[in-house]
Amino acid sequence: MSRPQVIDDEEHERVHDRVAAIDVAKDTGMVCTRTPHPSRPGARRSTVWTVKARMGTIGKLGRQLKRDGIEIVTLESTSDYWRIWFFVLETCGLAVQLVNAAQARNLPGRPKTDKLDAQWLARLTEMGLLRASFVPPKAIRDLRDYTRMRIRLVQERTRFSAISTGSAAPQSAKSNSPS
């Protein structure tokens, strides 16, 4: 019988070389980047820090990630808090993906703290194991914003018209039944 051969397949598992993951909370995001180690070939380095959820600080983060050559940024959020992160980082020219928190949690070995969670997300991102949630392209988001704005303007016009004519309800809400 021949001796077993040990094969290090870490290189084959990695899909992205330079990644970032952000575990988004209401007021902050725990950021983790995974990049090649500068002095040890084949080794990886994780850097973890907290960033406030403010447009200026997220923009600064986006510029830093772009300078660092980050290929893809993964966001995990259980609420609507991801929006500012997604839109600002996308504006900085980064490839951003939103992932369902339940998807990352369903994988075995998931840690339980924000710091470890961000590291876990970064590792899953570099291996390409996370499926991005659908976020409409910017043109569609802009069209939806304009449509919502028009609906609000029409509602306000109707409300103002009802107030200025002295009627209790807008014309469209009155009954068409004969008196």
N, C-alpha and C. Protein backbone atom coordinates (compact mmCIF):
# COMPACT_ATOMS: atom_id res chain seq x y z
N MET A 1 0.85 -1.17 0.00
CA MET A 1 0.00 0.00 0.00
C MET A 1 0.91 1.24 0.00
N SER A 2 0.55 2.22 -0.82
CA SER A 2 1.35 3.44 -0.89
C SER A 2 0.96 4.41 0.21
N ARG A 3 1.86 5.30 0.52
CA ARG A 3 1.58 6.31 1.55
C ARG A 3 0.58 7.33 1.01
N PRO A 4 -0.34 7.80 1.85
CA PRO A 4 -1.31 8.80 1.38
C PRO A 4 -0.61 10.12 1.06
N GLN A 5 -1.12 10.77 0.05
CA GLN A 5 -0.57 12.05 -0.36
C GLN A 5 -1.48 13.16 0.17
N VAL A 6 -0.89 14.13 0.84
CA VAL A 6 -1.65 15.26 1.38
C VAL A 6 -1.69 16.35 0.32
N ILE A 7 -2.90 16.80 -0.01
CA ILE A 7 -3.08 17.83 -1.04
C ILE A 7 -3.79 19.02 -0.40
N ASP A 8 -3.13 20.15 -0.43
CA ASP A 8 -3.73 21.39 0.09
C ASP A 8 -4.56 22.00 -1.01
N ASP A 9 -5.88 21.99 -0.85
CA ASP A 9 -6.76 22.47 -1.92
C ASP A 9 -7.40 23.81 -1.61
N GLU A 10 -6.86 24.58 -0.70
CA GLU A 10 -7.43 25.88 -0.36
C GLU A 10 -7.50 26.80 -1.57
N GLU A 11 -6.47 26.77 -2.41
CA GLU A 11 -6.46 27.62 -3.60
C GLU A 11 -7.62 27.29 -4.52
N HIS A 12 -7.99 26.01 -4.60
CA HIS A 12 -9.07 25.61 -5.50
C HIS A 12 -10.44 25.99 -4.96
N GLU A 13 -10.55 26.13 -3.65
CA GLU A 13 -11.83 26.48 -3.05
C GLU A 13 -12.16 27.96 -3.20
N ARG A 14 -11.17 28.80 -3.35
CA ARG A 14 -11.39 30.24 -3.36
C ARG A 14 -11.83 30.71 -4.75
N VAL A 15 -12.94 31.43 -4.80
CA VAL A 15 -13.46 32.00 -6.04
C VAL A 15 -13.02 33.46 -6.17
N HIS A 16 -13.01 34.19 -5.07
CA HIS A 16 -12.61 35.59 -5.05
C HIS A 16 -11.38 35.72 -4.16
N ASP A 17 -10.39 36.48 -4.62
CA ASP A 17 -9.15 36.62 -3.88
C ASP A 17 -9.21 37.70 -2.81
N ARG A 18 -9.92 38.80 -3.09
CA ARG A 18 -9.99 39.93 -2.16
C ARG A 18 -11.46 40.28 -1.93
N VAL A 19 -11.96 40.00 -0.73
CA VAL A 19 -13.39 40.18 -0.44
C VAL A 19 -13.59 40.99 0.84
N ALA A 20 -14.80 41.52 0.96
CA ALA A 20 -15.22 42.17 2.19
C ALA A 20 -16.63 41.69 2.51
N ALA A 21 -16.93 41.61 3.80
CA ALA A 21 -18.28 41.25 4.24
C ALA A 21 -18.65 42.20 5.36
N ILE A 22 -19.92 42.60 5.37
CA ILE A 22 -20.40 43.54 6.38
C ILE A 22 -21.65 42.97 7.02
N ASP A 23 -21.58 42.78 8.33
CA ASP A 23 -22.75 42.37 9.11
C ASP A 23 -23.42 43.67 9.55
N VAL A 24 -24.54 43.99 8.93
CA VAL A 24 -25.19 45.29 9.12
C VAL A 24 -26.14 45.26 10.31
N ALA A 25 -26.01 46.24 11.19
CA ALA A 25 -26.93 46.45 12.30
C ALA A 25 -27.58 47.82 12.11
N LYS A 26 -28.38 48.25 13.06
CA LYS A 26 -29.11 49.50 12.92
C LYS A 26 -28.19 50.71 12.78
N ASP A 27 -27.19 50.82 13.63
CA ASP A 27 -26.36 52.02 13.66
C ASP A 27 -24.92 51.79 13.21
N THR A 28 -24.53 50.53 13.04
CA THR A 28 -23.14 50.22 12.68
C THR A 28 -23.10 49.02 11.75
N GLY A 29 -21.92 48.77 11.24
CA GLY A 29 -21.66 47.57 10.46
C GLY A 29 -20.32 47.01 10.87
N MET A 30 -20.27 45.70 11.08
CA MET A 30 -19.01 45.03 11.39
C MET A 30 -18.41 44.59 10.05
N VAL A 31 -17.27 45.18 9.70
CA VAL A 31 -16.64 44.96 8.41
C VAL A 31 -15.49 43.97 8.56
N CYS A 32 -15.39 43.03 7.64
CA CYS A 32 -14.26 42.11 7.61
C CYS A 32 -13.76 42.02 6.18
N THR A 33 -12.47 42.25 5.99
CA THR A 33 -11.86 42.03 4.69
C THR A 33 -10.96 40.81 4.77
N ARG A 34 -10.92 40.03 3.69
CA ARG A 34 -10.01 38.89 3.59
C ARG A 34 -9.18 39.09 2.34
N THR A 35 -7.88 39.17 2.55
CA THR A 35 -6.94 39.42 1.46
C THR A 35 -5.73 38.50 1.62
N PRO A 36 -4.94 38.38 0.56
CA PRO A 36 -3.71 37.59 0.70
C PRO A 36 -2.79 38.23 1.74
N HIS A 37 -2.11 37.41 2.52
CA HIS A 37 -1.18 37.92 3.52
C HIS A 37 0.03 38.50 2.79
N PRO A 38 0.48 39.70 3.17
CA PRO A 38 1.56 40.34 2.43
C PRO A 38 2.92 39.65 2.56
N SER A 39 3.17 38.97 3.68
CA SER A 39 4.51 38.40 3.86
C SER A 39 4.54 36.86 3.84
N ARG A 40 3.39 36.22 3.87
CA ARG A 40 3.35 34.76 3.86
C ARG A 40 2.57 34.28 2.63
N PRO A 41 3.24 33.86 1.60
CA PRO A 41 2.55 33.40 0.38
C PRO A 41 1.58 32.25 0.69
N GLY A 42 0.40 32.33 0.12
CA GLY A 42 -0.61 31.30 0.32
C GLY A 42 -1.46 31.49 1.56
N ALA A 43 -1.03 32.36 2.48
CA ALA A 43 -1.81 32.60 3.70
C ALA A 43 -2.80 33.74 3.46
N ARG A 44 -3.83 33.78 4.28
CA ARG A 44 -4.87 34.81 4.18
C ARG A 44 -4.85 35.68 5.43
N ARG A 45 -5.26 36.93 5.27
CA ARG A 45 -5.34 37.82 6.42
C ARG A 45 -6.75 38.41 6.50
N SER A 46 -7.34 38.35 7.69
CA SER A 46 -8.64 38.97 7.95
C SER A 46 -8.41 40.23 8.77
N THR A 47 -9.09 41.29 8.39
CA THR A 47 -9.06 42.53 9.15
C THR A 47 -10.50 42.88 9.49
N VAL A 48 -10.77 43.12 10.76
CA VAL A 48 -12.15 43.36 11.22
C VAL A 48 -12.21 44.68 11.98
N TRP A 49 -13.23 45.48 11.67
CA TRP A 49 -13.46 46.73 12.39
C TRP A 49 -14.92 47.15 12.25
N THR A 50 -15.32 48.12 13.08
CA THR A 50 -16.69 48.61 13.09
C THR A 50 -16.76 49.96 12.38
N VAL A 51 -17.82 50.16 11.59
CA VAL A 51 -18.04 51.40 10.87
C VAL A 51 -19.45 51.89 11.19
N LYS A 52 -19.57 53.19 11.50
CA LYS A 52 -20.88 53.80 11.75
C LYS A 52 -21.70 53.83 10.46
N ALA A 53 -23.00 53.69 10.58
CA ALA A 53 -23.89 53.71 9.43
C ALA A 53 -24.25 55.14 9.08
N ARG A 54 -23.28 55.89 8.58
CA ARG A 54 -23.45 57.27 8.14
C ARG A 54 -22.92 57.36 6.72
N MET A 55 -23.57 58.16 5.90
CA MET A 55 -23.18 58.23 4.49
C MET A 55 -21.70 58.55 4.33
N GLY A 56 -21.20 59.51 5.10
CA GLY A 56 -19.80 59.91 4.99
C GLY A 56 -18.83 58.79 5.32
N THR A 57 -19.11 58.09 6.41
CA THR A 57 -18.19 57.01 6.82
C THR A 57 -18.30 55.80 5.90
N ILE A 58 -19.50 55.54 5.39
CA ILE A 58 -19.66 54.43 4.45
C ILE A 58 -18.97 54.78 3.13
N GLY A 59 -19.08 56.04 2.70
CA GLY A 59 -18.38 56.48 1.49
C GLY A 59 -16.86 56.34 1.65
N LYS A 60 -16.36 56.73 2.82
CA LYS A 60 -14.93 56.60 3.11
C LYS A 60 -14.52 55.12 3.08
N LEU A 61 -15.35 54.26 3.66
CA LEU A 61 -15.10 52.82 3.64
C LEU A 61 -15.06 52.32 2.20
N GLY A 62 -16.03 52.75 1.38
CA GLY A 62 -16.08 52.32 -0.02
C GLY A 62 -14.83 52.70 -0.79
N ARG A 63 -14.35 53.93 -0.57
CA ARG A 63 -13.12 54.37 -1.23
C ARG A 63 -11.92 53.54 -0.77
N GLN A 64 -11.88 53.21 0.52
CA GLN A 64 -10.78 52.40 1.06
C GLN A 64 -10.83 50.99 0.47
N LEU A 65 -12.02 50.39 0.42
CA LEU A 65 -12.15 49.05 -0.14
C LEU A 65 -11.75 49.04 -1.62
N LYS A 66 -12.13 50.07 -2.34
CA LYS A 66 -11.76 50.19 -3.75
C LYS A 66 -10.24 50.27 -3.90
N ARG A 67 -9.59 51.09 -3.05
CA ARG A 67 -8.12 51.20 -3.07
C ARG A 67 -7.45 49.88 -2.74
N ASP A 68 -8.07 49.10 -1.83
CA ASP A 68 -7.51 47.81 -1.42
C ASP A 68 -7.74 46.71 -2.46
N GLY A 69 -8.45 47.03 -3.53
CA GLY A 69 -8.68 46.05 -4.59
C GLY A 69 -9.72 45.00 -4.27
N ILE A 70 -10.65 45.33 -3.39
CA ILE A 70 -11.71 44.38 -3.03
C ILE A 70 -12.57 44.09 -4.26
N GLU A 71 -12.77 42.81 -4.55
CA GLU A 71 -13.52 42.39 -5.74
C GLU A 71 -15.03 42.41 -5.51
N ILE A 72 -15.46 42.01 -4.31
CA ILE A 72 -16.89 41.90 -4.03
C ILE A 72 -17.13 42.16 -2.54
N VAL A 73 -18.25 42.82 -2.27
CA VAL A 73 -18.65 43.11 -0.89
C VAL A 73 -19.98 42.41 -0.64
N THR A 74 -20.05 41.66 0.45
CA THR A 74 -21.28 40.98 0.84
C THR A 74 -21.90 41.70 2.03
N LEU A 75 -23.19 41.97 1.94
CA LEU A 75 -23.94 42.58 3.04
C LEU A 75 -24.92 41.57 3.59
N GLU A 76 -24.98 41.47 4.91
CA GLU A 76 -26.00 40.65 5.56
C GLU A 76 -26.77 41.55 6.50
N SER A 77 -28.08 41.56 6.34
CA SER A 77 -28.91 42.39 7.19
C SER A 77 -30.26 41.73 7.36
N THR A 78 -30.79 41.79 8.58
CA THR A 78 -32.10 41.18 8.83
C THR A 78 -33.22 42.20 8.67
N SER A 79 -32.91 43.44 8.40
CA SER A 79 -33.91 44.48 8.25
C SER A 79 -33.58 45.33 7.04
N ASP A 80 -34.16 46.53 6.99
CA ASP A 80 -33.95 47.46 5.88
C ASP A 80 -32.67 48.27 6.01
N TYR A 81 -31.88 48.00 7.02
CA TYR A 81 -30.69 48.80 7.29
C TYR A 81 -29.62 48.66 6.21
N TRP A 82 -29.71 47.66 5.36
CA TRP A 82 -28.72 47.41 4.32
C TRP A 82 -28.72 48.46 3.24
N ARG A 83 -29.84 49.16 3.04
CA ARG A 83 -30.00 50.06 1.88
C ARG A 83 -28.89 51.10 1.76
N ILE A 84 -28.62 51.85 2.83
CA ILE A 84 -27.59 52.89 2.75
C ILE A 84 -26.24 52.28 2.40
N TRP A 85 -25.94 51.12 3.00
CA TRP A 85 -24.66 50.46 2.73
C TRP A 85 -24.58 50.06 1.25
N PHE A 86 -25.62 49.43 0.75
CA PHE A 86 -25.64 48.94 -0.62
C PHE A 86 -25.48 50.09 -1.61
N PHE A 87 -26.30 51.12 -1.46
CA PHE A 87 -26.32 52.20 -2.43
C PHE A 87 -25.03 53.02 -2.41
N VAL A 88 -24.49 53.31 -1.24
CA VAL A 88 -23.26 54.11 -1.16
C VAL A 88 -22.06 53.30 -1.68
N LEU A 89 -21.96 52.04 -1.30
CA LEU A 89 -20.84 51.22 -1.78
C LEU A 89 -20.93 50.99 -3.28
N GLU A 90 -22.14 50.83 -3.79
CA GLU A 90 -22.34 50.67 -5.23
C GLU A 90 -21.90 51.94 -5.96
N THR A 91 -22.21 53.09 -5.39
CA THR A 91 -21.81 54.37 -5.98
C THR A 91 -20.29 54.50 -6.02
N CYS A 92 -19.60 53.88 -5.07
CA CYS A 92 -18.13 53.92 -5.03
C CYS A 92 -17.51 53.01 -6.10
N GLY A 93 -18.34 52.27 -6.83
CA GLY A 93 -17.83 51.42 -7.90
C GLY A 93 -17.52 49.99 -7.48
N LEU A 94 -18.05 49.57 -6.34
CA LEU A 94 -17.80 48.21 -5.85
C LEU A 94 -18.92 47.27 -6.29
N ALA A 95 -18.59 46.01 -6.47
CA ALA A 95 -19.60 44.97 -6.71
C ALA A 95 -20.15 44.58 -5.34
N VAL A 96 -21.44 44.81 -5.14
CA VAL A 96 -22.07 44.58 -3.84
C VAL A 96 -23.16 43.53 -4.00
N GLN A 97 -23.21 42.60 -3.06
CA GLN A 97 -24.30 41.62 -3.05
C GLN A 97 -24.93 41.59 -1.67
N LEU A 98 -26.25 41.52 -1.67
CA LEU A 98 -27.01 41.39 -0.44
C LEU A 98 -27.37 39.92 -0.29
N VAL A 99 -27.12 39.36 0.90
CA VAL A 99 -27.48 37.97 1.12
C VAL A 99 -28.48 37.87 2.25
N ASN A 100 -29.30 36.87 2.15
CA ASN A 100 -30.31 36.60 3.17
C ASN A 100 -29.60 36.07 4.42
N ALA A 101 -29.90 36.67 5.55
CA ALA A 101 -29.25 36.27 6.81
C ALA A 101 -29.52 34.80 7.12
N ALA A 102 -30.70 34.33 6.79
CA ALA A 102 -31.04 32.93 7.07
C ALA A 102 -30.18 31.98 6.25
N GLN A 103 -29.81 32.38 5.03
CA GLN A 103 -28.98 31.53 4.19
C GLN A 103 -27.61 31.30 4.82
N ALA A 104 -27.00 32.36 5.32
CA ALA A 104 -25.68 32.23 5.93
C ALA A 104 -25.77 31.46 7.25
N ARG A 105 -26.86 31.64 7.97
CA ARG A 105 -27.02 30.95 9.26
C ARG A 105 -27.26 29.46 9.09
N ASN A 106 -27.83 29.09 7.96
CA ASN A 106 -28.15 27.68 7.75
C ASN A 106 -26.93 26.83 7.44
N LEU A 107 -25.81 27.46 7.17
CA LEU A 107 -24.61 26.69 6.87
C LEU A 107 -23.96 26.24 8.17
N PRO A 108 -23.45 25.03 8.21
CA PRO A 108 -22.86 24.53 9.46
C PRO A 108 -21.59 25.29 9.83
N GLY A 109 -21.37 25.41 11.13
CA GLY A 109 -20.15 26.05 11.63
C GLY A 109 -20.29 27.53 11.84
N ARG A 110 -21.49 28.06 11.68
CA ARG A 110 -21.69 29.51 11.80
C ARG A 110 -21.47 29.99 13.24
N PRO A 111 -20.59 30.99 13.42
CA PRO A 111 -20.36 31.55 14.76
C PRO A 111 -21.49 32.49 15.19
N LYS A 112 -21.44 32.97 16.44
CA LYS A 112 -22.58 33.70 17.00
C LYS A 112 -22.32 35.17 17.33
N THR A 113 -21.10 35.70 17.22
CA THR A 113 -20.87 37.12 17.52
C THR A 113 -20.79 37.90 16.22
N ASP A 114 -20.98 39.23 16.30
CA ASP A 114 -20.92 40.07 15.10
C ASP A 114 -19.56 39.98 14.43
N LYS A 115 -18.50 40.01 15.22
CA LYS A 115 -17.15 39.95 14.67
C LYS A 115 -16.91 38.62 13.95
N LEU A 116 -17.24 37.53 14.61
CA LEU A 116 -17.06 36.21 14.00
C LEU A 116 -18.01 36.01 12.83
N ASP A 117 -19.21 36.61 12.93
CA ASP A 117 -20.18 36.52 11.85
C ASP A 117 -19.65 37.20 10.60
N ALA A 118 -19.03 38.38 10.75
CA ALA A 118 -18.46 39.09 9.61
C ALA A 118 -17.33 38.28 8.98
N GLN A 119 -16.51 37.65 9.81
CA GLN A 119 -15.43 36.81 9.29
C GLN A 119 -15.99 35.60 8.54
N TRP A 120 -17.02 35.01 9.10
CA TRP A 120 -17.67 33.86 8.48
C TRP A 120 -18.24 34.24 7.12
N LEU A 121 -18.92 35.38 7.06
CA LEU A 121 -19.47 35.87 5.79
C LEU A 121 -18.37 36.09 4.76
N ALA A 122 -17.25 36.67 5.20
CA ALA A 122 -16.13 36.91 4.28
C ALA A 122 -15.58 35.59 3.73
N ARG A 123 -15.46 34.59 4.59
CA ARG A 123 -14.96 33.28 4.13
C ARG A 123 -15.93 32.65 3.14
N LEU A 124 -17.23 32.73 3.42
CA LEU A 124 -18.22 32.17 2.50
C LEU A 124 -18.21 32.93 1.17
N THR A 125 -17.99 34.24 1.25
CA THR A 125 -17.94 35.07 0.04
C THR A 125 -16.75 34.67 -0.83
N GLU A 126 -15.58 34.52 -0.22
CA GLU A 126 -14.39 34.19 -1.03
C GLU A 126 -14.51 32.81 -1.66
N MET A 127 -15.30 31.94 -1.07
CA MET A 127 -15.50 30.60 -1.65
C MET A 127 -16.71 30.56 -2.60
N GLY A 128 -17.43 31.68 -2.71
CA GLY A 128 -18.57 31.74 -3.63
C GLY A 128 -19.76 30.91 -3.18
N LEU A 129 -19.94 30.76 -1.88
CA LEU A 129 -21.02 29.90 -1.37
C LEU A 129 -22.32 30.63 -1.06
N LEU A 130 -22.35 31.94 -1.24
CA LEU A 130 -23.56 32.70 -0.92
C LEU A 130 -24.28 33.14 -2.19
N ARG A 131 -25.58 33.02 -2.17
CA ARG A 131 -26.41 33.43 -3.31
C ARG A 131 -26.97 34.82 -3.02
N ALA A 132 -26.75 35.74 -3.94
CA ALA A 132 -27.19 37.12 -3.74
C ALA A 132 -28.71 37.23 -3.87
N SER A 133 -29.30 38.06 -3.02
CA SER A 133 -30.72 38.38 -3.13
C SER A 133 -30.90 39.36 -4.28
N PHE A 134 -32.10 39.41 -4.82
CA PHE A 134 -32.37 40.33 -5.93
C PHE A 134 -32.50 41.75 -5.41
N VAL A 135 -31.70 42.64 -5.97
CA VAL A 135 -31.84 44.08 -5.74
C VAL A 135 -31.97 44.68 -7.14
N PRO A 136 -33.08 45.40 -7.41
CA PRO A 136 -33.27 45.93 -8.77
C PRO A 136 -32.11 46.85 -9.19
N PRO A 137 -31.82 46.88 -10.49
CA PRO A 137 -30.78 47.79 -10.98
C PRO A 137 -31.14 49.24 -10.70
N LYS A 138 -30.16 50.12 -10.72
CA LYS A 138 -30.35 51.53 -10.36
C LYS A 138 -31.45 52.18 -11.20
N ALA A 139 -31.50 51.91 -12.49
CA ALA A 139 -32.52 52.53 -13.36
C ALA A 139 -33.93 52.16 -12.90
N ILE A 140 -34.14 50.92 -12.51
CA ILE A 140 -35.45 50.47 -12.03
C ILE A 140 -35.75 51.10 -10.67
N ARG A 141 -34.75 51.18 -9.79
CA ARG A 141 -34.96 51.83 -8.48
C ARG A 141 -35.35 53.29 -8.67
N ASP A 142 -34.68 53.98 -9.61
CA ASP A 142 -35.03 55.38 -9.87
C ASP A 142 -36.45 55.51 -10.39
N LEU A 143 -36.85 54.64 -11.30
CA LEU A 143 -38.21 54.66 -11.84
C LEU A 143 -39.24 54.42 -10.73
N ARG A 144 -38.96 53.48 -9.84
CA ARG A 144 -39.86 53.22 -8.71
C ARG A 144 -39.96 54.45 -7.80
N ASP A 145 -38.83 55.13 -7.56
CA ASP A 145 -38.85 56.35 -6.74
C ASP A 145 -39.72 57.42 -7.37
N TYR A 146 -39.57 57.62 -8.69
CA TYR A 146 -40.39 58.62 -9.38
C TYR A 146 -41.87 58.26 -9.31
N THR A 147 -42.19 56.98 -9.47
CA THR A 147 -43.58 56.54 -9.41
C THR A 147 -44.17 56.79 -8.02
N ARG A 148 -43.41 56.45 -6.97
CA ARG A 148 -43.90 56.71 -5.61
C ARG A 148 -44.07 58.21 -5.36
N MET A 149 -43.14 59.01 -5.87
CA MET A 149 -43.24 60.46 -5.69
C MET A 149 -44.49 61.00 -6.39
N ARG A 150 -44.77 60.51 -7.60
CA ARG A 150 -45.96 60.97 -8.32
C ARG A 150 -47.23 60.59 -7.57
N ILE A 151 -47.27 59.38 -7.03
CA ILE A 151 -48.45 58.94 -6.27
C ILE A 151 -48.68 59.87 -5.08
N ARG A 152 -47.59 60.20 -4.36
CA ARG A 152 -47.72 61.11 -3.20
C ARG A 152 -48.19 62.50 -3.64
N LEU A 153 -47.66 63.01 -4.76
CA LEU A 153 -48.07 64.32 -5.25
C LEU A 153 -49.54 64.34 -5.64
N VAL A 154 -50.01 63.29 -6.31
CA VAL A 154 -51.43 63.21 -6.69
C VAL A 154 -52.30 63.13 -5.44
N GLN A 155 -51.88 62.37 -4.44
CA GLN A 155 -52.64 62.29 -3.19
C GLN A 155 -52.70 63.65 -2.51
N GLU A 156 -51.59 64.36 -2.47
CA GLU A 156 -51.57 65.70 -1.85
C GLU A 156 -52.45 66.67 -2.63
N ARG A 157 -52.40 66.62 -3.96
CA ARG A 157 -53.24 67.49 -4.78
C ARG A 157 -54.72 67.21 -4.51
N THR A 158 -55.06 65.93 -4.43
CA THR A 158 -56.45 65.56 -4.17
C THR A 158 -56.88 66.02 -2.77
N ARG A 159 -56.01 65.85 -1.80
CA ARG A 159 -56.31 66.29 -0.43
C ARG A 159 -56.48 67.80 -0.38
N PHE A 160 -55.58 68.53 -1.03
CA PHE A 160 -55.67 69.99 -1.03
C PHE A 160 -56.94 70.45 -1.74
N SER A 161 -57.28 69.79 -2.84
CA SER A 161 -58.50 70.14 -3.58
C SER A 161 -59.74 69.93 -2.71
N ALA A 162 -59.76 68.83 -1.95
CA ALA A 162 -60.89 68.54 -1.07
C ALA A 162 -60.99 69.58 0.04
N ILE A 163 -59.87 69.99 0.58
CA ILE A 163 -59.86 71.00 1.65
C ILE A 163 -60.32 72.35 1.12
N SER A 164 -59.82 72.74 -0.05
CA SER A 164 -60.15 74.07 -0.58
C SER A 164 -61.58 74.17 -1.08
N THR A 165 -62.21 73.06 -1.49
CA THR A 165 -63.61 73.10 -1.92
C THR A 165 -64.57 72.88 -0.76
N GLY A 166 -64.03 72.52 0.38
CA GLY A 166 -64.87 72.34 1.56
C GLY A 166 -65.52 70.98 1.67
N SER A 167 -65.23 70.08 0.77
CA SER A 167 -65.83 68.75 0.86
C SER A 167 -65.05 67.92 1.88
N ALA A 168 -65.75 67.00 2.52
CA ALA A 168 -65.15 66.17 3.56
C ALA A 168 -64.26 65.09 2.97
N ALA A 169 -64.60 64.63 1.78
CA ALA A 169 -63.82 63.56 1.15
C ALA A 169 -63.47 63.97 -0.27
N PRO A 170 -62.40 63.47 -0.80
CA PRO A 170 -62.05 63.78 -2.18
C PRO A 170 -63.14 63.32 -3.14
N GLN A 171 -63.22 63.98 -4.31
CA GLN A 171 -64.27 63.70 -5.29
C GLN A 171 -64.31 62.22 -5.67
N SER A 172 -63.16 61.59 -5.82
CA SER A 172 -63.14 60.20 -6.26
C SER A 172 -63.69 59.25 -5.20
N ALA A 173 -63.73 59.69 -3.95
CA ALA A 173 -64.21 58.82 -2.87
C ALA A 173 -65.72 58.94 -2.65
N LYS A 174 -66.39 59.97 -3.26
CA LYS A 174 -67.83 60.13 -3.07
C LYS A 174 -68.60 59.06 -3.80
N SER A 175 -69.75 58.73 -3.28
CA SER A 175 -70.60 57.71 -3.86
C SER A 175 -71.25 58.24 -5.13
N ASN A 176 -71.40 57.40 -6.13
CA ASN A 176 -72.03 57.76 -7.39
C ASN A 176 -73.52 57.42 -7.39
N SER A 177 -74.08 57.02 -6.25
CA SER A 177 -75.48 56.64 -6.20
C SER A 177 -76.36 57.88 -6.29
N PRO A 178 -77.54 57.75 -6.95
CA PRO A 178 -78.44 58.90 -7.10
C PRO A 178 -79.01 59.33 -5.74
N SER A 179 -79.26 60.65 -5.60
CA SER A 179 -79.77 61.18 -4.35
C SER A 179 -81.27 61.27 -4.34
